[in-house]
Amino acid sequence: MNETTMASSPGGTWNLGDLTVTRVGYGAMQLTGPGVMGPPADHDGALAVLREAVALGITHVDTAGAYGPRVTNRLIREALHPYPEALHLVTKVGADRDAQGGWPPALRPEDLRRAVHENLEDLGVDALDVVNLRLGDAQGTRPGSLAEPFGALVELRRQGLIRHLGVSNVTAEQVAEARAIAPIVCVQNMYNLAHRQDDGLIDELAAAGVAYVPFFPLGGFSPLQSTALSAVASRLGATPMSVALAWLLRRSPNILLIPGTSSVAHLRENVAGAALPLSATDLAELDGIGG
């Protein structure tokens, strides 16, 4: 993958430490079966989506060993290994899966060591580009110290198994605690047009050169908010998802996108949609959704 391809990617690029990634990435969560459990219904289709992401110039793929569990990482290895030099994989640890499809926390040092080694094995790499420590739960963030689990990942980084660290589903206080322990390159939290609780944190991280990666970029809109978003999309002749992704890219230069899909056509639509031009009027109207 050459520099011309990367530079033409919507939104340009961002540096996660010494790793340059496209701001429009790909989230691999949807490549598994229903409920993020088990294999995909269309195995070859899942491989095709991953290969198309690389063909489109995407150099940032987000994954986790808990997806499947251990399904998505193995699909990534099957589809893309040996990996292009420009491609960087970001994974998460801190949660397991149970038989009911739940996400029980797995934050003991021994849990995290096991998870890192499983990621290394399933992805077929000697070191993980970025590992995010996932805290909180499916309902959102939870207060409390992250010193012990984050310290376990810092030790694995010292051993050369991890290149860079990040945190996910965290409070601003937990971000500050992590940064006091060791450098982080990204924060992955719930954020979108309607859920703007991290506005201050995004600006703080941008000033510090730390990426912010919103997940569920369209989740949780009320009917009224959906109507407002749809009105802008209709005026622009675009989909609501395209408008929401384009707004996120313009919200702050440190925002990286990881929209997920199991469809090649939808993947292409997301990449094209992120490049949607938004006028000052459009942005003002969209900003009002979160106001």
C-alpha atoms as a PDB file:
ATOM      1  CA  MET A   1       0.000   0.000   0.000  1.00  0.00           C
ATOM      2  CA  ASN A   2       1.615   3.242  -1.059  1.00  0.00           C
ATOM      3  CA  GLU A   3       1.620   6.711   0.433  1.00  0.00           C
ATOM      4  CA  THR A   4      -0.568   8.055  -2.383  1.00  0.00           C
ATOM      5  CA  THR A   5      -3.320   5.598  -1.475  1.00  0.00           C
ATOM      6  CA  MET A   6      -3.100   6.526   2.192  1.00  0.00           C
ATOM      7  CA  ALA A   7      -3.106  10.254   1.539  1.00  0.00           C
ATOM      8  CA  SER A   8      -6.237  10.001  -0.604  1.00  0.00           C
ATOM      9  CA  SER A   9      -8.189   8.290   2.158  1.00  0.00           C
ATOM     10  CA  PRO A  10     -11.072  10.400   3.514  1.00  0.00           C
ATOM     11  CA  GLY A  11      -9.953  12.451   6.477  1.00  0.00           C
ATOM     12  CA  GLY A  12      -6.254  11.901   5.879  1.00  0.00           C
ATOM     13  CA  THR A  13      -4.086  10.196   8.489  1.00  0.00           C
ATOM     14  CA  TRP A  14      -3.190  10.330  12.178  1.00  0.00           C
ATOM     15  CA  ASN A  15      -0.209   9.041  14.122  1.00  0.00           C
ATOM     16  CA  LEU A  16      -0.752   6.511  16.893  1.00  0.00           C
ATOM     17  CA  GLY A  17       2.691   6.953  18.364  1.00  0.00           C
ATOM     18  CA  ASP A  18       5.008   5.955  15.522  1.00  0.00           C
ATOM     19  CA  LEU A  19       2.203   4.238  13.583  1.00  0.00           C
ATOM     20  CA  THR A  20       0.478   6.197  10.801  1.00  0.00           C
ATOM     21  CA  VAL A  21      -3.144   5.168  10.264  1.00  0.00           C
ATOM     22  CA  THR A  22      -5.965   6.396   8.085  1.00  0.00           C
ATOM     23  CA  ARG A  23      -8.536   8.357  10.073  1.00  0.00           C
ATOM     24  CA  VAL A  24     -11.236   6.259   8.407  1.00  0.00           C
ATOM     25  CA  GLY A  25     -10.645   2.759   9.716  1.00  0.00           C
ATOM     26  CA  TYR A  26     -12.663  -0.431   9.858  1.00  0.00           C
ATOM     27  CA  GLY A  27     -14.249  -2.045  12.917  1.00  0.00           C
ATOM     28  CA  ALA A  28     -14.283  -5.842  12.592  1.00  0.00           C
ATOM     29  CA  MET A  29     -16.842  -6.593  15.319  1.00  0.00           C
ATOM     30  CA  GLN A  30     -19.658  -7.433  12.876  1.00  0.00           C
ATOM     31  CA  LEU A  31     -17.727 -10.190  11.094  1.00  0.00           C
ATOM     32  CA  THR A  32     -18.872 -12.849  13.588  1.00  0.00           C
ATOM     33  CA  GLY A  33     -22.208 -14.571  13.988  1.00  0.00           C
ATOM     34  CA  PRO A  34     -25.267 -13.083  15.751  1.00  0.00           C
ATOM     35  CA  GLY A  35     -24.549 -11.412  19.079  1.00  0.00           C
ATOM     36  CA  VAL A  36     -20.842 -11.246  18.208  1.00  0.00           C
ATOM     37  CA  MET A  37     -20.709 -14.985  18.872  1.00  0.00           C
ATOM     38  CA  GLY A  38     -19.541 -17.823  16.657  1.00  0.00           C
ATOM     39  CA  PRO A  39     -18.469 -17.868  13.030  1.00  0.00           C
ATOM     40  CA  PRO A  40     -19.998 -15.681  10.314  1.00  0.00           C
ATOM     41  CA  ALA A  41     -22.809 -17.045   8.197  1.00  0.00           C
ATOM     42  CA  ASP A  42     -20.754 -16.152   5.112  1.00  0.00           C
ATOM     43  CA  HIS A  43     -17.109 -17.020   5.763  1.00  0.00           C
ATOM     44  CA  ASP A  44     -15.873 -16.009   2.315  1.00  0.00           C
ATOM     45  CA  GLY A  45     -17.899 -12.807   2.504  1.00  0.00           C
ATOM     46  CA  ALA A  46     -16.175 -11.860   5.764  1.00  0.00           C
ATOM     47  CA  LEU A  47     -12.764 -12.392   4.175  1.00  0.00           C
ATOM     48  CA  ALA A  48     -13.846 -10.292   1.192  1.00  0.00           C
ATOM     49  CA  VAL A  49     -14.798  -7.359   3.445  1.00  0.00           C
ATOM     50  CA  LEU A  50     -11.393  -7.389   5.134  1.00  0.00           C
ATOM     51  CA  ARG A  51      -9.557  -7.538   1.816  1.00  0.00           C
ATOM     52  CA  GLU A  52     -11.719  -4.741   0.403  1.00  0.00           C
ATOM     53  CA  ALA A  53     -10.880  -2.556   3.406  1.00  0.00           C
ATOM     54  CA  VAL A  54      -7.194  -2.860   2.560  1.00  0.00           C
ATOM     55  CA  ALA A  55      -7.905  -2.339  -1.146  1.00  0.00           C
ATOM     56  CA  LEU A  56      -9.717   0.917  -0.280  1.00  0.00           C
ATOM     57  CA  GLY A  57      -6.580   2.188   1.444  1.00  0.00           C
ATOM     58  CA  ILE A  58      -7.690   1.643   5.055  1.00  0.00           C
ATOM     59  CA  THR A  59      -4.697   1.091   7.342  1.00  0.00           C
ATOM     60  CA  HIS A  60      -6.489   0.922  10.718  1.00  0.00           C
ATOM     61  CA  VAL A  61      -8.462  -2.213  11.633  1.00  0.00           C
ATOM     62  CA  ASP A  62     -10.061  -2.470  15.081  1.00  0.00           C
ATOM     63  CA  THR A  63     -10.674  -5.895  16.592  1.00  0.00           C
ATOM     64  CA  ALA A  64     -10.767  -7.849  19.863  1.00  0.00           C
ATOM     65  CA  GLY A  65     -10.171 -11.406  20.980  1.00  0.00           C
ATOM     66  CA  ALA A  66     -13.617 -11.389  22.612  1.00  0.00           C
ATOM     67  CA  TYR A  67     -15.288 -11.076  19.202  1.00  0.00           C
ATOM     68  CA  GLY A  68     -16.457 -14.595  18.538  1.00  0.00           C
ATOM     69  CA  PRO A  69     -14.636 -15.215  20.862  1.00  0.00           C
ATOM     70  CA  ARG A  70     -11.375 -15.577  18.907  1.00  0.00           C
ATOM     71  CA  VAL A  71     -13.264 -15.653  15.608  1.00  0.00           C
ATOM     72  CA  THR A  72     -12.604 -12.185  14.207  1.00  0.00           C
ATOM     73  CA  ASN A  73      -8.859 -12.259  14.826  1.00  0.00           C
ATOM     74  CA  ARG A  74      -8.544 -15.570  13.018  1.00  0.00           C
ATOM     75  CA  LEU A  75     -10.542 -14.200  10.087  1.00  0.00           C
ATOM     76  CA  ILE A  76      -8.218 -11.199   9.923  1.00  0.00           C
ATOM     77  CA  ARG A  77      -5.190 -13.493   9.844  1.00  0.00           C
ATOM     78  CA  GLU A  78      -6.724 -15.714   7.164  1.00  0.00           C
ATOM     79  CA  ALA A  79      -7.692 -12.764   4.978  1.00  0.00           C
ATOM     80  CA  LEU A  80      -4.684 -10.476   5.336  1.00  0.00           C
ATOM     81  CA  HIS A  81      -1.606 -12.294   6.673  1.00  0.00           C
ATOM     82  CA  PRO A  82       1.188 -11.591   5.846  1.00  0.00           C
ATOM     83  CA  TYR A  83       0.027  -8.067   6.613  1.00  0.00           C
ATOM     84  CA  PRO A  84       0.868  -5.065   4.432  1.00  0.00           C
ATOM     85  CA  GLU A  85       3.538  -2.951   6.099  1.00  0.00           C
ATOM     86  CA  ALA A  86       1.192   0.039   6.324  1.00  0.00           C
ATOM     87  CA  LEU A  87      -1.652  -1.905   7.973  1.00  0.00           C
ATOM     88  CA  HIS A  88      -2.021  -1.595  11.753  1.00  0.00           C
ATOM     89  CA  LEU A  89      -4.254  -3.704  13.982  1.00  0.00           C
ATOM     90  CA  VAL A  90      -5.765  -2.304  17.180  1.00  0.00           C
ATOM     91  CA  THR A  91      -7.187  -4.805  19.657  1.00  0.00           C
ATOM     92  CA  LYS A  92      -8.926  -4.740  23.061  1.00  0.00           C
ATOM     93  CA  VAL A  93      -8.575  -6.761  26.243  1.00  0.00           C
ATOM     94  CA  GLY A  94     -10.423  -6.673  29.543  1.00  0.00           C
ATOM     95  CA  ALA A  95     -13.573  -8.680  28.816  1.00  0.00           C
ATOM     96  CA  ASP A  96     -14.356 -12.348  28.189  1.00  0.00           C
ATOM     97  CA  ARG A  97     -17.501 -13.970  26.792  1.00  0.00           C
ATOM     98  CA  ASP A  98     -19.869 -16.310  28.599  1.00  0.00           C
ATOM     99  CA  ALA A  99     -22.231 -18.968  27.242  1.00  0.00           C
ATOM    100  CA  GLN A 100     -25.129 -16.486  27.265  1.00  0.00           C
ATOM    101  CA  GLY A 101     -23.219 -14.012  25.089  1.00  0.00           C
ATOM    102  CA  GLY A 102     -22.395 -11.691  27.986  1.00  0.00           C
ATOM    103  CA  TRP A 103     -19.176  -9.739  28.418  1.00  0.00           C
ATOM    104  CA  PRO A 104     -17.887 -10.520  31.936  1.00  0.00           C
ATOM    105  CA  PRO A 105     -14.873  -8.439  32.960  1.00  0.00           C
ATOM    106  CA  ALA A 106     -11.457 -10.088  32.747  1.00  0.00           C
ATOM    107  CA  LEU A 107      -9.179  -7.528  34.329  1.00  0.00           C
ATOM    108  CA  ARG A 108      -6.905  -9.571  36.560  1.00  0.00           C
ATOM    109  CA  PRO A 109      -3.257  -9.490  35.438  1.00  0.00           C
ATOM    110  CA  GLU A 110      -3.410 -13.184  34.558  1.00  0.00           C
ATOM    111  CA  ASP A 111      -6.544 -12.593  32.443  1.00  0.00           C
ATOM    112  CA  LEU A 112      -4.818  -9.804  30.545  1.00  0.00           C
ATOM    113  CA  ARG A 113      -1.643 -11.807  29.956  1.00  0.00           C
ATOM    114  CA  ARG A 114      -3.737 -14.673  28.583  1.00  0.00           C
ATOM    115  CA  ALA A 115      -5.723 -12.315  26.348  1.00  0.00           C
ATOM    116  CA  VAL A 116      -2.601 -10.678  24.927  1.00  0.00           C
ATOM    117  CA  HIS A 117      -1.028 -14.049  24.118  1.00  0.00           C
ATOM    118  CA  GLU A 118      -4.270 -15.250  22.484  1.00  0.00           C
ATOM    119  CA  ASN A 119      -4.346 -12.089  20.338  1.00  0.00           C
ATOM    120  CA  LEU A 120      -0.739 -12.641  19.310  1.00  0.00           C
ATOM    121  CA  GLU A 121      -1.456 -16.247  18.371  1.00  0.00           C
ATOM    122  CA  ASP A 122      -4.712 -15.642  16.521  1.00  0.00           C
ATOM    123  CA  LEU A 123      -3.430 -12.619  14.583  1.00  0.00           C
ATOM    124  CA  GLY A 124      -0.105 -14.300  13.817  1.00  0.00           C
ATOM    125  CA  VAL A 125       2.146 -11.476  15.025  1.00  0.00           C
ATOM    126  CA  ASP A 126       5.077 -11.159  17.420  1.00  0.00           C
ATOM    127  CA  ALA A 127       3.844  -7.860  18.881  1.00  0.00           C
ATOM    128  CA  LEU A 128       0.461  -6.112  18.939  1.00  0.00           C
ATOM    129  CA  ASP A 129       0.410  -2.620  17.414  1.00  0.00           C
ATOM    130  CA  VAL A 130      -2.061  -1.137  19.911  1.00  0.00           C
ATOM    131  CA  VAL A 131      -3.873  -2.747  22.847  1.00  0.00           C
ATOM    132  CA  ASN A 132      -6.821  -0.956  24.462  1.00  0.00           C
ATOM    133  CA  LEU A 133      -7.737  -1.767  28.049  1.00  0.00           C
ATOM    134  CA  ARG A 134     -11.533  -2.061  28.150  1.00  0.00           C
ATOM    135  CA  LEU A 135     -13.190  -1.001  31.395  1.00  0.00           C
ATOM    136  CA  GLY A 136     -16.821  -0.338  32.273  1.00  0.00           C
ATOM    137  CA  ASP A 137     -19.516  -2.633  30.930  1.00  0.00           C
ATOM    138  CA  ALA A 138     -22.289  -2.774  28.341  1.00  0.00           C
ATOM    139  CA  GLN A 139     -24.130   0.008  30.202  1.00  0.00           C
ATOM    140  CA  GLY A 140     -21.171   2.376  29.965  1.00  0.00           C
ATOM    141  CA  THR A 141     -18.252   3.581  32.045  1.00  0.00           C
ATOM    142  CA  ARG A 142     -17.729   2.719  35.711  1.00  0.00           C
ATOM    143  CA  PRO A 143     -15.595   4.727  38.146  1.00  0.00           C
ATOM    144  CA  GLY A 144     -12.594   3.194  39.848  1.00  0.00           C
ATOM    145  CA  SER A 145      -8.848   2.858  39.553  1.00  0.00           C
ATOM    146  CA  LEU A 146      -7.336   1.189  36.496  1.00  0.00           C
ATOM    147  CA  ALA A 147      -3.834   1.078  37.979  1.00  0.00           C
ATOM    148  CA  GLU A 148      -3.591  -2.696  38.407  1.00  0.00           C
ATOM    149  CA  PRO A 149      -4.868  -3.847  34.999  1.00  0.00           C
ATOM    150  CA  PHE A 150      -3.203  -1.002  33.133  1.00  0.00           C
ATOM    151  CA  GLY A 151       0.047  -1.727  34.953  1.00  0.00           C
ATOM    152  CA  ALA A 152      -0.148  -5.338  33.753  1.00  0.00           C
ATOM    153  CA  LEU A 153      -0.326  -4.116  30.149  1.00  0.00           C
ATOM    154  CA  VAL A 154       2.546  -1.695  30.746  1.00  0.00           C
ATOM    155  CA  GLU A 155       4.643  -4.687  31.830  1.00  0.00           C
ATOM    156  CA  LEU A 156       3.700  -6.600  28.668  1.00  0.00           C
ATOM    157  CA  ARG A 157       4.735  -3.565  26.646  1.00  0.00           C
ATOM    158  CA  ARG A 158       8.087  -3.567  28.434  1.00  0.00           C
ATOM    159  CA  GLN A 159       8.447  -7.195  27.364  1.00  0.00           C
ATOM    160  CA  GLY A 160       7.987  -6.160  23.732  1.00  0.00           C
ATOM    161  CA  LEU A 161       4.599  -7.833  23.228  1.00  0.00           C
ATOM    162  CA  ILE A 162       2.718  -4.534  22.823  1.00  0.00           C
ATOM    163  CA  ARG A 163       3.873  -1.439  20.934  1.00  0.00           C
ATOM    164  CA  HIS A 164       1.340   1.118  22.158  1.00  0.00           C
ATOM    165  CA  LEU A 165      -1.424   1.322  24.758  1.00  0.00           C
ATOM    166  CA  GLY A 166      -4.900   2.806  24.829  1.00  0.00           C
ATOM    167  CA  VAL A 167      -8.006   2.727  27.009  1.00  0.00           C
ATOM    168  CA  SER A 168     -11.662   2.078  26.199  1.00  0.00           C
ATOM    169  CA  ASN A 169     -15.045   2.728  27.836  1.00  0.00           C
ATOM    170  CA  VAL A 170     -13.421   4.975  30.416  1.00  0.00           C
ATOM    171  CA  THR A 171     -14.086   8.151  32.386  1.00  0.00           C
ATOM    172  CA  ALA A 172     -11.991  11.287  32.013  1.00  0.00           C
ATOM    173  CA  GLU A 173     -10.526  10.544  35.439  1.00  0.00           C
ATOM    174  CA  GLN A 174      -9.442   7.089  34.309  1.00  0.00           C
ATOM    175  CA  VAL A 175      -7.846   8.585  31.192  1.00  0.00           C
ATOM    176  CA  ALA A 176      -5.865  10.953  33.387  1.00  0.00           C
ATOM    177  CA  GLU A 177      -4.823   8.083  35.666  1.00  0.00           C
ATOM    178  CA  ALA A 178      -3.643   5.997  32.718  1.00  0.00           C
ATOM    179  CA  ARG A 179      -1.654   8.893  31.255  1.00  0.00           C
ATOM    180  CA  ALA A 180       0.040   9.397  34.634  1.00  0.00           C
ATOM    181  CA  ILE A 181       1.194   5.764  34.558  1.00  0.00           C
ATOM    182  CA  ALA A 182       2.325   5.440  30.927  1.00  0.00           C
ATOM    183  CA  PRO A 183       1.752   7.108  27.534  1.00  0.00           C
ATOM    184  CA  ILE A 184      -1.435   6.234  25.679  1.00  0.00           C
ATOM    185  CA  VAL A 185      -2.098   6.770  21.980  1.00  0.00           C
ATOM    186  CA  CYS A 186      -5.898   6.495  21.906  1.00  0.00           C
ATOM    187  CA  VAL A 187      -9.131   6.563  23.872  1.00  0.00           C
ATOM    188  CA  GLN A 188     -12.108   4.559  22.579  1.00  0.00           C
ATOM    189  CA  ASN A 189     -15.441   5.676  24.024  1.00  0.00           C
ATOM    190  CA  MET A 190     -19.115   5.972  23.195  1.00  0.00           C
ATOM    191  CA  TYR A 191     -19.656   9.253  21.324  1.00  0.00           C
ATOM    192  CA  ASN A 192     -21.814  10.521  18.484  1.00  0.00           C
ATOM    193  CA  LEU A 193     -23.901  13.498  17.380  1.00  0.00           C
ATOM    194  CA  ALA A 194     -26.435  12.935  20.137  1.00  0.00           C
ATOM    195  CA  HIS A 195     -24.127  11.722  22.901  1.00  0.00           C
ATOM    196  CA  ARG A 196     -21.590  14.500  23.389  1.00  0.00           C
ATOM    197  CA  GLN A 197     -20.507  13.857  26.981  1.00  0.00           C
ATOM    198  CA  ASP A 198     -16.838  13.572  25.949  1.00  0.00           C
ATOM    199  CA  ASP A 199     -16.604  16.939  24.180  1.00  0.00           C
ATOM    200  CA  GLY A 200     -14.163  18.335  26.710  1.00  0.00           C
ATOM    201  CA  LEU A 201     -12.092  15.157  26.776  1.00  0.00           C
ATOM    202  CA  ILE A 202     -11.818  15.122  22.971  1.00  0.00           C
ATOM    203  CA  ASP A 203     -10.438  18.652  22.940  1.00  0.00           C
ATOM    204  CA  GLU A 204      -7.991  17.867  25.747  1.00  0.00           C
ATOM    205  CA  LEU A 205      -6.735  14.772  23.946  1.00  0.00           C
ATOM    206  CA  ALA A 206      -6.423  16.622  20.631  1.00  0.00           C
ATOM    207  CA  ALA A 207      -4.134  19.164  22.305  1.00  0.00           C
ATOM    208  CA  ALA A 208      -2.041  16.288  23.685  1.00  0.00           C
ATOM    209  CA  GLY A 209      -1.817  14.459  20.343  1.00  0.00           C
ATOM    210  CA  VAL A 210      -3.914  11.491  21.544  1.00  0.00           C
ATOM    211  CA  ALA A 211      -6.504   9.937  19.227  1.00  0.00           C
ATOM    212  CA  TYR A 212     -10.159   9.618  20.157  1.00  0.00           C
ATOM    213  CA  VAL A 213     -12.042   6.689  18.590  1.00  0.00           C
ATOM    214  CA  PRO A 214     -15.841   6.800  18.960  1.00  0.00           C
ATOM    215  CA  PHE A 215     -17.728   3.520  18.906  1.00  0.00           C
ATOM    216  CA  PHE A 216     -21.391   3.100  17.926  1.00  0.00           C
ATOM    217  CA  PRO A 217     -21.262   6.402  15.996  1.00  0.00           C
ATOM    218  CA  LEU A 218     -24.993   6.253  15.234  1.00  0.00           C
ATOM    219  CA  GLY A 219     -26.297   4.432  18.303  1.00  0.00           C
ATOM    220  CA  GLY A 220     -28.890   5.834  20.625  1.00  0.00           C
ATOM    221  CA  PHE A 221     -30.601   8.614  18.693  1.00  0.00           C
ATOM    222  CA  SER A 222     -34.085   9.580  19.823  1.00  0.00           C
ATOM    223  CA  PRO A 223     -36.770   9.883  17.116  1.00  0.00           C
ATOM    224  CA  LEU A 224     -36.484  13.679  17.209  1.00  0.00           C
ATOM    225  CA  GLN A 225     -32.717  13.562  16.829  1.00  0.00           C
ATOM    226  CA  SER A 226     -33.007  11.018  14.036  1.00  0.00           C
ATOM    227  CA  THR A 227     -35.414  13.376  12.274  1.00  0.00           C
ATOM    228  CA  ALA A 228     -32.917  16.242  12.502  1.00  0.00           C
ATOM    229  CA  LEU A 229     -30.108  14.078  11.148  1.00  0.00           C
ATOM    230  CA  SER A 230     -32.306  12.709   8.391  1.00  0.00           C
ATOM    231  CA  ALA A 231     -33.292  16.221   7.331  1.00  0.00           C
ATOM    232  CA  VAL A 232     -29.663  17.184   6.714  1.00  0.00           C
ATOM    233  CA  ALA A 233     -29.000  13.874   4.961  1.00  0.00           C
ATOM    234  CA  SER A 234     -32.016  14.339   2.699  1.00  0.00           C
ATOM    235  CA  ARG A 235     -30.913  17.845   1.758  1.00  0.00           C
ATOM    236  CA  LEU A 236     -27.459  16.541   0.843  1.00  0.00           C
ATOM    237  CA  GLY A 237     -28.751  13.469  -0.967  1.00  0.00           C
ATOM    238  CA  ALA A 238     -26.818  11.227   1.441  1.00  0.00           C
ATOM    239  CA  THR A 239     -27.556   8.589   4.079  1.00  0.00           C
ATOM    240  CA  PRO A 240     -27.793   9.516   7.767  1.00  0.00           C
ATOM    241  CA  MET A 241     -24.771   7.280   8.456  1.00  0.00           C
ATOM    242  CA  SER A 242     -22.705   9.170   5.883  1.00  0.00           C
ATOM    243  CA  VAL A 243     -23.610  12.504   7.453  1.00  0.00           C
ATOM    244  CA  ALA A 244     -22.874  11.248  10.969  1.00  0.00           C
ATOM    245  CA  LEU A 245     -19.472   9.897   9.936  1.00  0.00           C
ATOM    246  CA  ALA A 246     -18.587  13.067   8.052  1.00  0.00           C
ATOM    247  CA  TRP A 247     -19.543  15.159  11.084  1.00  0.00           C
ATOM    248  CA  LEU A 248     -17.315  13.075  13.353  1.00  0.00           C
ATOM    249  CA  LEU A 249     -14.311  13.595  11.077  1.00  0.00           C
ATOM    250  CA  ARG A 250     -14.878  17.333  11.176  1.00  0.00           C
ATOM    251  CA  ARG A 251     -15.559  17.480  14.907  1.00  0.00           C
ATOM    252  CA  SER A 252     -11.835  17.232  15.747  1.00  0.00           C
ATOM    253  CA  PRO A 253      -8.672  16.207  13.850  1.00  0.00           C
ATOM    254  CA  ASN A 254      -7.857  13.500  16.411  1.00  0.00           C
ATOM    255  CA  ILE A 255     -11.095  11.563  15.842  1.00  0.00           C
ATOM    256  CA  LEU A 256     -10.597   8.220  14.093  1.00  0.00           C
ATOM    257  CA  LEU A 257     -13.547   6.261  12.716  1.00  0.00           C
ATOM    258  CA  ILE A 258     -14.069   2.504  12.932  1.00  0.00           C
ATOM    259  CA  PRO A 259     -17.524   1.876  11.399  1.00  0.00           C
ATOM    260  CA  GLY A 260     -18.238  -1.817  11.123  1.00  0.00           C
ATOM    261  CA  THR A 261     -20.062  -3.850   8.532  1.00  0.00           C
ATOM    262  CA  SER A 262     -20.156  -7.361   7.101  1.00  0.00           C
ATOM    263  CA  SER A 263     -20.996  -6.065   3.610  1.00  0.00           C
ATOM    264  CA  VAL A 264     -18.510  -4.961   0.953  1.00  0.00           C
ATOM    265  CA  ALA A 265     -21.079  -2.557  -0.502  1.00  0.00           C
ATOM    266  CA  HIS A 266     -21.755  -0.999   2.911  1.00  0.00           C
ATOM    267  CA  LEU A 267     -18.031  -0.709   3.567  1.00  0.00           C
ATOM    268  CA  ARG A 268     -17.577   1.251   0.337  1.00  0.00           C
ATOM    269  CA  GLU A 269     -20.567   3.429   1.252  1.00  0.00           C
ATOM    270  CA  ASN A 270     -19.070   4.218   4.678  1.00  0.00           C
ATOM    271  CA  VAL A 271     -15.702   5.204   3.203  1.00  0.00           C
ATOM    272  CA  ALA A 272     -17.318   7.379   0.548  1.00  0.00           C
ATOM    273  CA  GLY A 273     -19.737   8.870   3.073  1.00  0.00           C
ATOM    274  CA  ALA A 274     -16.966   9.976   5.401  1.00  0.00           C
ATOM    275  CA  ALA A 275     -15.728  12.265   2.612  1.00  0.00           C
ATOM    276  CA  LEU A 276     -19.120  13.992   2.346  1.00  0.00           C
ATOM    277  CA  PRO A 277     -18.646  17.796   2.266  1.00  0.00           C
ATOM    278  CA  LEU A 278     -20.537  19.614   5.018  1.00  0.00           C
ATOM    279  CA  SER A 279     -21.215  23.352   4.829  1.00  0.00           C
ATOM    280  CA  ALA A 280     -21.151  25.728   7.790  1.00  0.00           C
ATOM    281  CA  THR A 281     -24.960  25.613   7.751  1.00  0.00           C
ATOM    282  CA  ASP A 282     -24.940  21.811   7.808  1.00  0.00           C
ATOM    283  CA  LEU A 283     -22.464  21.733  10.686  1.00  0.00           C
ATOM    284  CA  ALA A 284     -24.445  24.279  12.706  1.00  0.00           C
ATOM    285  CA  GLU A 285     -27.633  22.276  12.276  1.00  0.00           C
ATOM    286  CA  LEU A 286     -25.913  19.015  13.200  1.00  0.00           C
ATOM    287  CA  ASP A 287     -24.173  20.561  16.209  1.00  0.00           C
ATOM    288  CA  GLY A 288     -27.608  21.487  17.503  1.00  0.00           C
ATOM    289  CA  ILE A 289     -28.567  17.809  17.779  1.00  0.00           C
ATOM    290  CA  GLY A 290     -26.238  17.370  20.734  1.00  0.00           C
ATOM    291  CA  GLY A 291     -27.114  20.681  22.283  1.00  0.00           C
END
